[in-house]
Amino acid sequence: MKEWLKENKWIFVGGIVIVAAILTPLILFMVRNHLDEDTFAALGPVGDFFGGTTVGLLTLASMLFVIASISMQRKQLDMQQDELKMQREELAKTREEFELTNKTLTKQQFESTFFNMINLHHNLLKDLKGGRQYLEDINFELSSRYSTNVNEFWKNKLYSLKNNDRNKFNDFLLSMYLFEKSNDQFKDRLENMIRSDIHNEIDWNKSFIEAIQKDINDAVHMNEHLKEDFKLLDVDQLIQRISLLNYIYEYLNYKHHEISVTSYSDFTINIEEIYKDIKSEWSIYFLKKTREETLINPLYSLKKKAYENIYKEHEEQIGHYYRHLYRIIKFIQDEHFSNNSKENEKEKKKYRGILRAQLSSMELLMLFYNVVYSEKGEKFKETLKGTNFFDDHLVESKFLWANDKDELAALK
């Protein structure tokens, strides 16, 4: 009852006013017999008064009913708004559930396709002759092919020097000719001493060997007959001979490498020290500059040429393998996992990690070379750039070239 009165107080008050307006004249009419004639006659102005006041009361009641009606309508509107709000919340929950269901189904479809592609990758690897060993063999071939390219590069540099600066070219050839002669005499001297009866009486320490080498080197450079013989040599034949010298091959291809001075393995010289006795400073600079371009900081063009040649020879076997890996990465990168960019990238990184876990260290290394040094790997390179796909999983000690780590850094 209290709740009803609270909700309908204006209707209740309006009803009381109406009842009072009706009962007042009726009560006066009913008690008229108890009044004298003059008193009753005097009720005329009173009636006019009550008539005026009753109309006012009825008007007031009407206003109260209007207020009550407005209050009820406001409550109904509030109820409708609450219902609409509840409906919106239900719709939002339904939409979230639908989106979650759709997201789950989409992810299941993605994972189904993704893992099927992973299985196909393993099948492609099995189809390679020897499996992962096939990639090991290609890596070895790549190293050999690069050495061949270095020899060609070295020979071309000699011809380029011949065409551009004849004086420096002659100076360099003479230095290398005398260097070759001094080394030949040095080896002969040591071998004769080793075979001699005084072998056990000689202290074969480093200073003793260096002293012999210096004496022979000075004697060779002072030998005018050798310089005259040099002038009679055919230049092209000399270039061919110098380009094939084992000392130069080792110097341009290997760092901290030791080569045998004689047929006896006890006597070796570090490849970096072998040219210290060359008299021509410019010749030393020319050799060091070439070594910089082939070993210390190899030219990109040399590395690319070596890989492209190997790839073309084995494209029929490995082309499909690398194209499929590219498609797996592209499939991951094109997928939209979340509207949140960080969450989206986190999911992509997870699947890239799953793929990477399927690859051996040699597979990763050869994939890296395919991406960086192959024309057909350029799209792959753009797709991987900024993903840090290789992370720290490449073994730097296995790199063929010293500046591979710079190429790797550019991909991160």
Protein backbone atom coordinates (compact mmCIF):
# COMPACT_ATOMS: atom_id res chain seq x y z
CA MET A 1 0.00 0.00 0.00
CA LYS A 2 2.76 2.36 0.92
CA GLU A 3 4.51 1.59 -2.35
CA TRP A 4 1.29 2.31 -4.29
CA LEU A 5 0.76 5.62 -2.45
CA LYS A 6 4.35 6.57 -3.15
CA GLU A 7 3.99 5.92 -6.84
CA ASN A 8 0.43 7.47 -7.20
CA LYS A 9 0.49 10.28 -4.63
CA TRP A 10 -0.67 12.93 -7.06
CA ILE A 11 -3.69 10.87 -8.15
CA PHE A 12 -4.60 10.25 -4.49
CA VAL A 13 -4.39 13.96 -3.61
CA GLY A 14 -6.36 14.89 -6.74
CA GLY A 15 -9.10 12.40 -5.79
CA ILE A 16 -9.40 13.91 -2.31
CA VAL A 17 -9.78 17.39 -3.82
CA ILE A 18 -12.55 16.20 -6.16
CA VAL A 19 -14.37 14.43 -3.34
CA ALA A 20 -14.14 17.58 -1.18
CA ALA A 21 -15.43 19.71 -4.06
CA ILE A 22 -18.49 17.45 -4.51
CA LEU A 23 -19.31 16.82 -0.84
CA THR A 24 -19.16 20.44 0.30
CA PRO A 25 -22.37 21.67 -1.47
CA LEU A 26 -24.15 18.36 -0.75
CA ILE A 27 -23.49 18.65 2.94
CA LEU A 28 -24.78 22.23 2.96
CA PHE A 29 -27.87 21.18 1.05
CA MET A 30 -28.57 18.36 3.47
CA VAL A 31 -28.37 20.54 6.59
CA ARG A 32 -30.52 23.30 5.15
CA ASN A 33 -33.56 22.20 7.32
CA HIS A 34 -31.63 22.98 10.43
CA LEU A 35 -31.05 26.56 9.37
CA ASP A 36 -33.56 29.46 9.62
CA GLU A 37 -34.81 31.15 6.48
CA ASP A 38 -32.56 34.15 6.76
CA THR A 39 -29.51 32.05 7.40
CA PHE A 40 -30.27 29.76 4.47
CA ALA A 41 -30.91 32.81 2.27
CA ALA A 42 -27.55 34.08 3.32
CA LEU A 43 -26.04 30.93 1.91
CA GLY A 44 -26.45 32.30 -1.63
CA PRO A 45 -23.29 34.35 -1.49
CA VAL A 46 -21.69 31.47 0.33
CA GLY A 47 -22.72 29.22 -2.54
CA ASP A 48 -21.24 31.61 -4.99
CA PHE A 49 -18.05 31.55 -2.91
CA PHE A 50 -17.93 27.79 -2.80
CA GLY A 51 -18.79 27.59 -6.49
CA GLY A 52 -15.83 29.79 -7.24
CA THR A 53 -13.58 27.88 -4.93
CA THR A 54 -14.78 24.50 -6.18
CA VAL A 55 -13.90 25.37 -9.73
CA GLY A 56 -10.47 26.34 -8.51
CA LEU A 57 -10.16 23.08 -6.65
CA LEU A 58 -11.28 21.12 -9.66
CA THR A 59 -8.75 22.99 -11.78
CA LEU A 60 -6.12 22.21 -9.19
CA ALA A 61 -7.17 18.55 -9.30
CA SER A 62 -6.88 18.56 -13.07
CA MET A 63 -3.38 19.96 -12.81
CA LEU A 64 -2.51 17.31 -10.26
CA PHE A 65 -3.82 14.61 -12.58
CA VAL A 66 -1.71 16.06 -15.42
CA ILE A 67 1.33 16.02 -13.17
CA ALA A 68 0.55 12.43 -12.21
CA SER A 69 0.15 11.51 -15.87
CA ILE A 70 3.50 13.11 -16.73
CA SER A 71 5.14 11.33 -13.79
CA MET A 72 3.72 7.97 -14.95
CA GLN A 73 4.85 8.59 -18.51
CA ARG A 74 8.32 9.49 -17.26
CA LYS A 75 8.47 6.26 -15.30
CA GLN A 76 7.32 4.31 -18.34
CA LEU A 77 9.98 6.01 -20.45
CA ASP A 78 12.59 5.18 -17.82
CA MET A 79 11.44 1.57 -17.89
CA GLN A 80 11.58 1.52 -21.68
CA GLN A 81 15.07 3.02 -21.60
CA ASP A 82 16.16 0.38 -19.07
CA GLU A 83 14.74 -2.32 -21.32
CA LEU A 84 16.51 -0.84 -24.35
CA LYS A 85 19.73 -0.68 -22.39
CA MET A 86 19.36 -4.32 -21.39
CA GLN A 87 18.62 -5.23 -25.01
CA ARG A 88 21.74 -3.36 -26.15
CA GLU A 89 23.82 -5.16 -23.53
CA GLU A 90 22.39 -8.50 -24.64
CA LEU A 91 23.11 -7.64 -28.27
CA ALA A 92 26.66 -6.60 -27.34
CA LYS A 93 27.19 -9.89 -25.52
CA THR A 94 25.72 -11.79 -28.45
CA ARG A 95 28.01 -9.90 -30.84
CA GLU A 96 31.05 -10.59 -28.65
CA GLU A 97 30.14 -14.27 -28.51
CA PHE A 98 29.68 -14.30 -32.29
CA GLU A 99 33.00 -12.52 -32.85
CA LEU A 100 34.74 -14.91 -30.46
CA THR A 101 33.21 -17.90 -32.22
CA ASN A 102 34.11 -16.47 -35.62
CA LYS A 103 37.64 -15.68 -34.43
CA THR A 104 38.04 -19.22 -33.09
CA LEU A 105 36.81 -20.73 -36.34
CA THR A 106 39.08 -18.44 -38.37
CA LYS A 107 42.08 -19.34 -36.22
CA GLN A 108 41.27 -23.05 -36.51
CA GLN A 109 41.12 -22.71 -40.30
CA PHE A 110 44.43 -20.83 -40.30
CA GLU A 111 46.16 -23.40 -38.09
CA SER A 112 44.81 -26.27 -40.16
CA THR A 113 46.25 -24.73 -43.33
CA PHE A 114 49.45 -23.67 -41.59
CA PHE A 115 50.30 -27.10 -40.20
CA ASN A 116 49.42 -28.74 -43.50
CA MET A 117 51.96 -26.41 -45.10
CA ILE A 118 54.50 -27.41 -42.44
CA ASN A 119 53.93 -31.08 -43.30
CA LEU A 120 54.37 -30.28 -46.98
CA HIS A 121 57.65 -28.54 -46.15
CA HIS A 122 58.95 -31.72 -44.51
CA ASN A 123 57.92 -33.72 -47.55
CA LEU A 124 59.74 -31.30 -49.85
CA LEU A 125 62.85 -31.61 -47.69
CA LYS A 126 62.65 -35.41 -47.94
CA ASP A 127 62.36 -35.11 -51.73
CA LEU A 128 65.74 -33.36 -51.86
CA LYS A 129 68.47 -35.87 -52.64
CA GLY A 130 70.03 -36.59 -49.26
CA GLY A 131 67.62 -34.27 -47.40
CA ARG A 132 69.37 -31.74 -45.21
CA GLN A 133 72.75 -33.09 -46.35
CA TYR A 134 71.90 -31.76 -49.80
CA LEU A 135 71.94 -28.23 -48.38
CA GLU A 136 75.26 -28.96 -46.64
CA ASP A 137 76.69 -29.94 -50.03
CA ILE A 138 75.36 -26.76 -51.66
CA ASN A 139 76.99 -24.71 -48.90
CA PHE A 140 80.33 -26.40 -49.64
CA GLU A 141 79.88 -25.78 -53.38
CA LEU A 142 79.11 -22.14 -52.65
CA SER A 143 82.40 -21.76 -50.78
CA SER A 144 84.33 -23.35 -53.66
CA ARG A 145 82.53 -21.27 -56.27
CA TYR A 146 83.31 -18.09 -54.36
CA SER A 147 87.03 -18.97 -54.33
CA THR A 148 86.87 -19.42 -58.11
CA ASN A 149 85.19 -16.03 -58.44
CA VAL A 150 87.89 -14.47 -56.26
CA ASN A 151 90.58 -15.80 -58.62
CA GLU A 152 88.70 -14.35 -61.59
CA PHE A 153 88.25 -11.07 -59.76
CA TRP A 154 91.97 -10.97 -58.94
CA LYS A 155 92.92 -11.63 -62.55
CA ASN A 156 90.54 -8.90 -63.77
CA LYS A 157 92.06 -6.44 -61.30
CA LEU A 158 95.50 -7.14 -62.74
CA TYR A 159 94.29 -6.50 -66.29
CA SER A 160 92.46 -3.37 -65.13
CA LEU A 161 95.67 -2.10 -63.52
CA LYS A 162 97.55 -2.88 -66.73
CA ASN A 163 95.11 -0.77 -68.76
CA ASN A 164 94.84 2.14 -66.33
CA ASP A 165 98.34 2.61 -64.90
CA ARG A 166 101.15 0.80 -66.71
CA ASN A 167 103.92 2.01 -64.38
CA LYS A 168 102.20 0.72 -61.24
CA PHE A 169 101.32 -2.45 -63.08
CA ASN A 170 104.98 -3.12 -64.02
CA ASP A 171 106.10 -2.25 -60.50
CA PHE A 172 103.61 -4.70 -59.03
CA LEU A 173 104.47 -7.53 -61.44
CA LEU A 174 108.20 -7.10 -60.77
CA SER A 175 107.59 -7.14 -56.99
CA MET A 176 105.54 -10.32 -57.26
CA TYR A 177 108.07 -11.93 -59.62
CA LEU A 178 110.92 -11.24 -57.20
CA PHE A 179 108.73 -12.31 -54.29
CA GLU A 180 108.06 -15.65 -56.00
CA LYS A 181 111.77 -16.18 -56.72
CA SER A 182 112.81 -15.36 -53.16
CA ASN A 183 110.24 -17.78 -51.75
CA ASP A 184 111.36 -20.52 -54.12
CA GLN A 185 114.99 -20.03 -53.09
CA PHE A 186 114.02 -19.87 -49.43
CA LYS A 187 112.16 -23.18 -49.66
CA ASP A 188 115.07 -24.79 -51.52
CA ARG A 189 117.55 -23.55 -48.93
CA LEU A 190 115.52 -24.90 -46.01
CA GLU A 191 114.93 -28.27 -47.61
CA ASN A 192 118.65 -28.65 -48.41
CA MET A 193 119.56 -27.76 -44.84
CA ILE A 194 116.98 -30.20 -43.46
CA ARG A 195 118.37 -33.01 -45.61
CA SER A 196 121.98 -32.16 -44.72
CA ASP A 197 124.02 -33.84 -42.02
CA ILE A 198 123.96 -30.70 -39.88
CA HIS A 199 120.20 -30.91 -39.44
CA ASN A 200 120.42 -31.85 -35.78
CA GLU A 201 123.01 -29.19 -35.07
CA ILE A 202 120.81 -26.26 -36.16
CA ASP A 203 118.61 -24.38 -33.75
CA TRP A 204 115.37 -24.19 -35.78
CA ASN A 205 113.89 -21.22 -34.04
CA LYS A 206 111.81 -18.49 -35.64
CA SER A 207 114.56 -15.85 -35.66
CA PHE A 208 116.92 -18.21 -37.46
CA ILE A 209 114.37 -18.96 -40.21
CA GLU A 210 113.48 -15.27 -40.55
CA ALA A 211 117.17 -14.38 -40.90
CA ILE A 212 117.58 -16.87 -43.75
CA GLN A 213 114.43 -15.55 -45.44
CA LYS A 214 115.66 -11.94 -45.15
CA ASP A 215 119.07 -12.74 -46.58
CA ILE A 216 117.55 -14.50 -49.56
CA ASN A 217 114.98 -11.77 -50.08
CA ASP A 218 117.64 -9.03 -50.08
CA ALA A 219 119.81 -11.06 -52.43
CA VAL A 220 116.98 -11.58 -54.89
CA HIS A 221 116.07 -7.90 -54.98
CA MET A 222 119.72 -7.04 -55.58
CA ASN A 223 119.98 -9.54 -58.43
CA GLU A 224 120.01 -7.50 -61.64
CA HIS A 225 119.88 -10.62 -63.79
CA LEU A 226 116.46 -11.48 -62.42
CA LYS A 227 115.23 -7.99 -63.23
CA GLU A 228 116.52 -8.33 -66.77
CA ASP A 229 114.88 -11.74 -67.10
CA PHE A 230 111.61 -10.18 -65.95
CA LYS A 231 111.63 -7.77 -68.90
CA LEU A 232 111.75 -10.69 -71.31
CA LEU A 233 108.71 -12.45 -69.86
CA ASP A 234 105.35 -12.45 -71.61
CA VAL A 235 103.04 -10.19 -69.57
CA ASP A 236 99.86 -12.22 -70.07
CA GLN A 237 101.59 -15.44 -69.11
CA LEU A 238 103.00 -13.76 -66.01
CA ILE A 239 99.53 -12.55 -65.03
CA GLN A 240 98.18 -16.07 -65.44
CA ARG A 241 100.97 -17.46 -63.27
CA ILE A 242 100.57 -14.83 -60.55
CA SER A 243 96.80 -15.26 -60.51
CA LEU A 244 97.27 -18.97 -59.76
CA LEU A 245 99.92 -18.62 -57.05
CA ASN A 246 98.94 -20.61 -53.99
CA TYR A 247 100.24 -17.88 -51.68
CA ILE A 248 97.93 -15.30 -53.25
CA TYR A 249 94.98 -17.69 -53.31
CA GLU A 250 95.41 -18.32 -49.58
CA TYR A 251 95.91 -14.62 -48.85
CA LEU A 252 92.72 -13.54 -50.63
CA ASN A 253 90.53 -16.35 -49.28
CA TYR A 254 91.63 -17.21 -45.75
CA LYS A 255 92.27 -15.21 -42.61
CA HIS A 256 94.94 -16.32 -40.10
CA HIS A 257 95.77 -19.23 -42.37
CA GLU A 258 99.14 -20.96 -42.19
CA ILE A 259 100.81 -22.55 -45.19
CA SER A 260 103.70 -24.96 -45.31
CA VAL A 261 107.05 -23.39 -46.23
CA THR A 262 108.59 -26.71 -47.24
CA SER A 263 107.43 -30.24 -47.78
CA TYR A 264 108.11 -30.69 -44.08
CA SER A 265 105.04 -29.67 -42.07
CA ASP A 266 107.13 -28.38 -39.16
CA PHE A 267 107.84 -25.17 -41.06
CA THR A 268 104.77 -22.95 -41.56
CA ILE A 269 104.23 -19.21 -41.96
CA ASN A 270 101.11 -17.22 -41.17
CA ILE A 271 99.56 -16.01 -44.42
CA GLU A 272 99.28 -12.42 -43.10
CA GLU A 273 103.05 -12.25 -42.54
CA ILE A 274 104.16 -13.70 -45.84
CA TYR A 275 104.20 -10.39 -47.75
CA LYS A 276 106.01 -8.29 -45.16
CA ASP A 277 109.30 -8.44 -47.08
CA ILE A 278 107.93 -7.06 -50.35
CA LYS A 279 109.89 -3.89 -51.09
CA SER A 280 107.18 -1.99 -52.97
CA GLU A 281 104.78 -0.25 -50.56
CA TRP A 282 102.25 0.32 -53.32
CA SER A 283 102.26 -3.40 -54.16
CA ILE A 284 101.54 -4.21 -50.53
CA TYR A 285 98.70 -1.65 -50.56
CA PHE A 286 97.28 -3.19 -53.76
CA LEU A 287 97.29 -6.67 -52.24
CA LYS A 288 95.72 -5.47 -48.98
CA LYS A 289 93.06 -3.53 -50.87
CA THR A 290 92.15 -6.62 -52.87
CA ARG A 291 92.06 -8.71 -49.72
CA GLU A 292 89.71 -6.18 -48.17
CA GLU A 293 87.34 -6.65 -51.12
CA THR A 294 87.48 -10.46 -51.10
CA LEU A 295 87.96 -11.46 -47.45
CA ILE A 296 87.86 -8.74 -44.80
CA ASN A 297 84.79 -6.96 -46.17
CA PRO A 298 83.80 -8.93 -49.30
CA LEU A 299 82.06 -7.09 -52.11
CA TYR A 300 78.33 -7.76 -52.34
CA SER A 301 78.62 -8.32 -56.10
CA LEU A 302 81.16 -11.13 -55.59
CA LYS A 303 78.97 -12.92 -53.06
CA LYS A 304 75.82 -12.46 -55.12
CA LYS A 305 77.51 -13.78 -58.25
CA ALA A 306 78.70 -16.91 -56.43
CA TYR A 307 75.26 -17.64 -54.97
CA GLU A 308 73.37 -16.92 -58.21
CA ASN A 309 75.58 -19.40 -60.08
CA ILE A 310 74.99 -22.11 -57.49
CA TYR A 311 71.24 -21.40 -57.35
CA LYS A 312 70.86 -21.69 -61.13
CA GLU A 313 72.66 -25.03 -61.10
CA HIS A 314 70.36 -26.43 -58.38
CA GLU A 315 67.16 -24.45 -59.02
CA GLU A 316 65.25 -27.50 -60.18
CA GLN A 317 65.84 -29.14 -56.78
CA ILE A 318 65.75 -26.20 -54.34
CA GLY A 319 63.55 -23.67 -56.18
CA HIS A 320 60.33 -25.35 -55.07
CA TYR A 321 61.66 -25.69 -51.51
CA TYR A 322 62.36 -21.96 -51.12
CA ARG A 323 59.17 -20.87 -52.89
CA HIS A 324 57.14 -22.95 -50.44
CA LEU A 325 58.93 -21.43 -47.45
CA TYR A 326 58.16 -18.00 -48.87
CA ARG A 327 54.47 -18.91 -49.14
CA ILE A 328 54.34 -20.06 -45.53
CA ILE A 329 55.86 -16.78 -44.31
CA LYS A 330 53.55 -14.77 -46.59
CA PHE A 331 50.57 -16.73 -45.27
CA ILE A 332 51.51 -15.79 -41.70
CA GLN A 333 52.19 -12.15 -42.47
CA ASP A 334 48.92 -11.68 -44.38
CA GLU A 335 46.79 -13.13 -41.60
CA HIS A 336 44.89 -10.71 -39.32
CA PHE A 337 44.70 -12.15 -35.80
CA SER A 338 43.60 -9.13 -33.78
CA ASN A 339 42.64 -5.45 -34.08
CA ASN A 340 45.27 -4.75 -31.47
CA SER A 341 48.55 -4.25 -33.36
CA LYS A 342 50.73 -5.60 -30.52
CA GLU A 343 48.57 -8.68 -30.05
CA ASN A 344 48.48 -9.20 -33.81
CA GLU A 345 52.27 -9.08 -34.10
CA LYS A 346 52.63 -11.35 -31.06
CA GLU A 347 50.54 -14.04 -32.81
CA LYS A 348 52.49 -13.71 -36.06
CA LYS A 349 55.76 -14.00 -34.16
CA LYS A 350 54.50 -17.21 -32.51
CA TYR A 351 53.79 -18.89 -35.85
CA ARG A 352 57.04 -17.63 -37.38
CA GLY A 353 58.79 -19.24 -34.42
CA ILE A 354 56.99 -22.53 -35.03
CA LEU A 355 58.15 -22.49 -38.64
CA ARG A 356 61.72 -21.55 -37.70
CA ALA A 357 61.83 -24.46 -35.24
CA GLN A 358 61.31 -26.83 -38.18
CA LEU A 359 64.53 -25.62 -39.87
CA SER A 360 68.01 -26.90 -39.04
CA SER A 361 70.93 -24.49 -38.60
CA MET A 362 72.12 -25.22 -42.16
CA GLU A 363 68.61 -24.74 -43.56
CA LEU A 364 68.42 -21.35 -41.82
CA LEU A 365 71.85 -20.35 -43.13
CA MET A 366 71.06 -21.33 -46.73
CA LEU A 367 67.65 -19.64 -46.48
CA PHE A 368 69.48 -16.50 -45.30
CA TYR A 369 71.80 -16.65 -48.32
CA ASN A 370 68.85 -17.23 -50.65
CA VAL A 371 67.04 -14.21 -49.22
CA VAL A 372 70.06 -11.88 -49.24
CA TYR A 373 72.03 -12.88 -52.34
CA SER A 374 69.42 -14.12 -54.82
CA GLU A 375 67.34 -12.03 -57.21
CA LYS A 376 64.46 -14.47 -56.80
CA GLY A 377 64.69 -14.00 -53.04
CA GLU A 378 64.03 -10.24 -53.12
CA LYS A 379 60.29 -10.58 -52.34
CA PHE A 380 61.17 -12.99 -49.57
CA LYS A 381 63.63 -10.44 -48.21
CA GLU A 382 61.01 -7.67 -48.17
CA THR A 383 58.56 -9.96 -46.38
CA LEU A 384 61.09 -10.92 -43.69
CA LYS A 385 62.50 -7.43 -43.20
CA GLY A 386 61.66 -6.10 -39.75
CA THR A 387 60.40 -9.47 -38.43
CA ASN A 388 63.72 -10.57 -36.88
CA PHE A 389 62.95 -14.02 -38.27
CA PHE A 390 66.51 -15.35 -37.93
CA ASP A 391 66.88 -13.80 -34.47
CA ASP A 392 70.06 -15.25 -32.91
CA HIS A 393 69.59 -18.72 -34.41
CA LEU A 394 72.19 -18.32 -37.16
CA VAL A 395 75.61 -19.65 -36.17
CA GLU A 396 78.02 -16.84 -37.11
CA SER A 397 80.98 -19.20 -37.12
CA LYS A 398 79.32 -20.91 -40.10
CA PHE A 399 79.09 -17.70 -42.13
CA LEU A 400 81.03 -17.90 -45.40
CA TRP A 401 81.74 -14.17 -45.44
CA ALA A 402 82.89 -11.85 -42.68
CA ASN A 403 80.25 -9.18 -43.35
CA ASP A 404 77.28 -11.57 -43.43
CA LYS A 405 76.46 -10.28 -39.96
CA ASP A 406 75.92 -6.80 -41.45
CA GLU A 407 73.44 -8.21 -43.96
CA LEU A 408 71.70 -10.02 -41.10
CA ALA A 409 71.48 -6.79 -39.05
CA ALA A 410 69.85 -5.05 -42.03
CA LEU A 411 67.04 -7.64 -42.00
CA LYS A 412 66.09 -7.11 -38.34
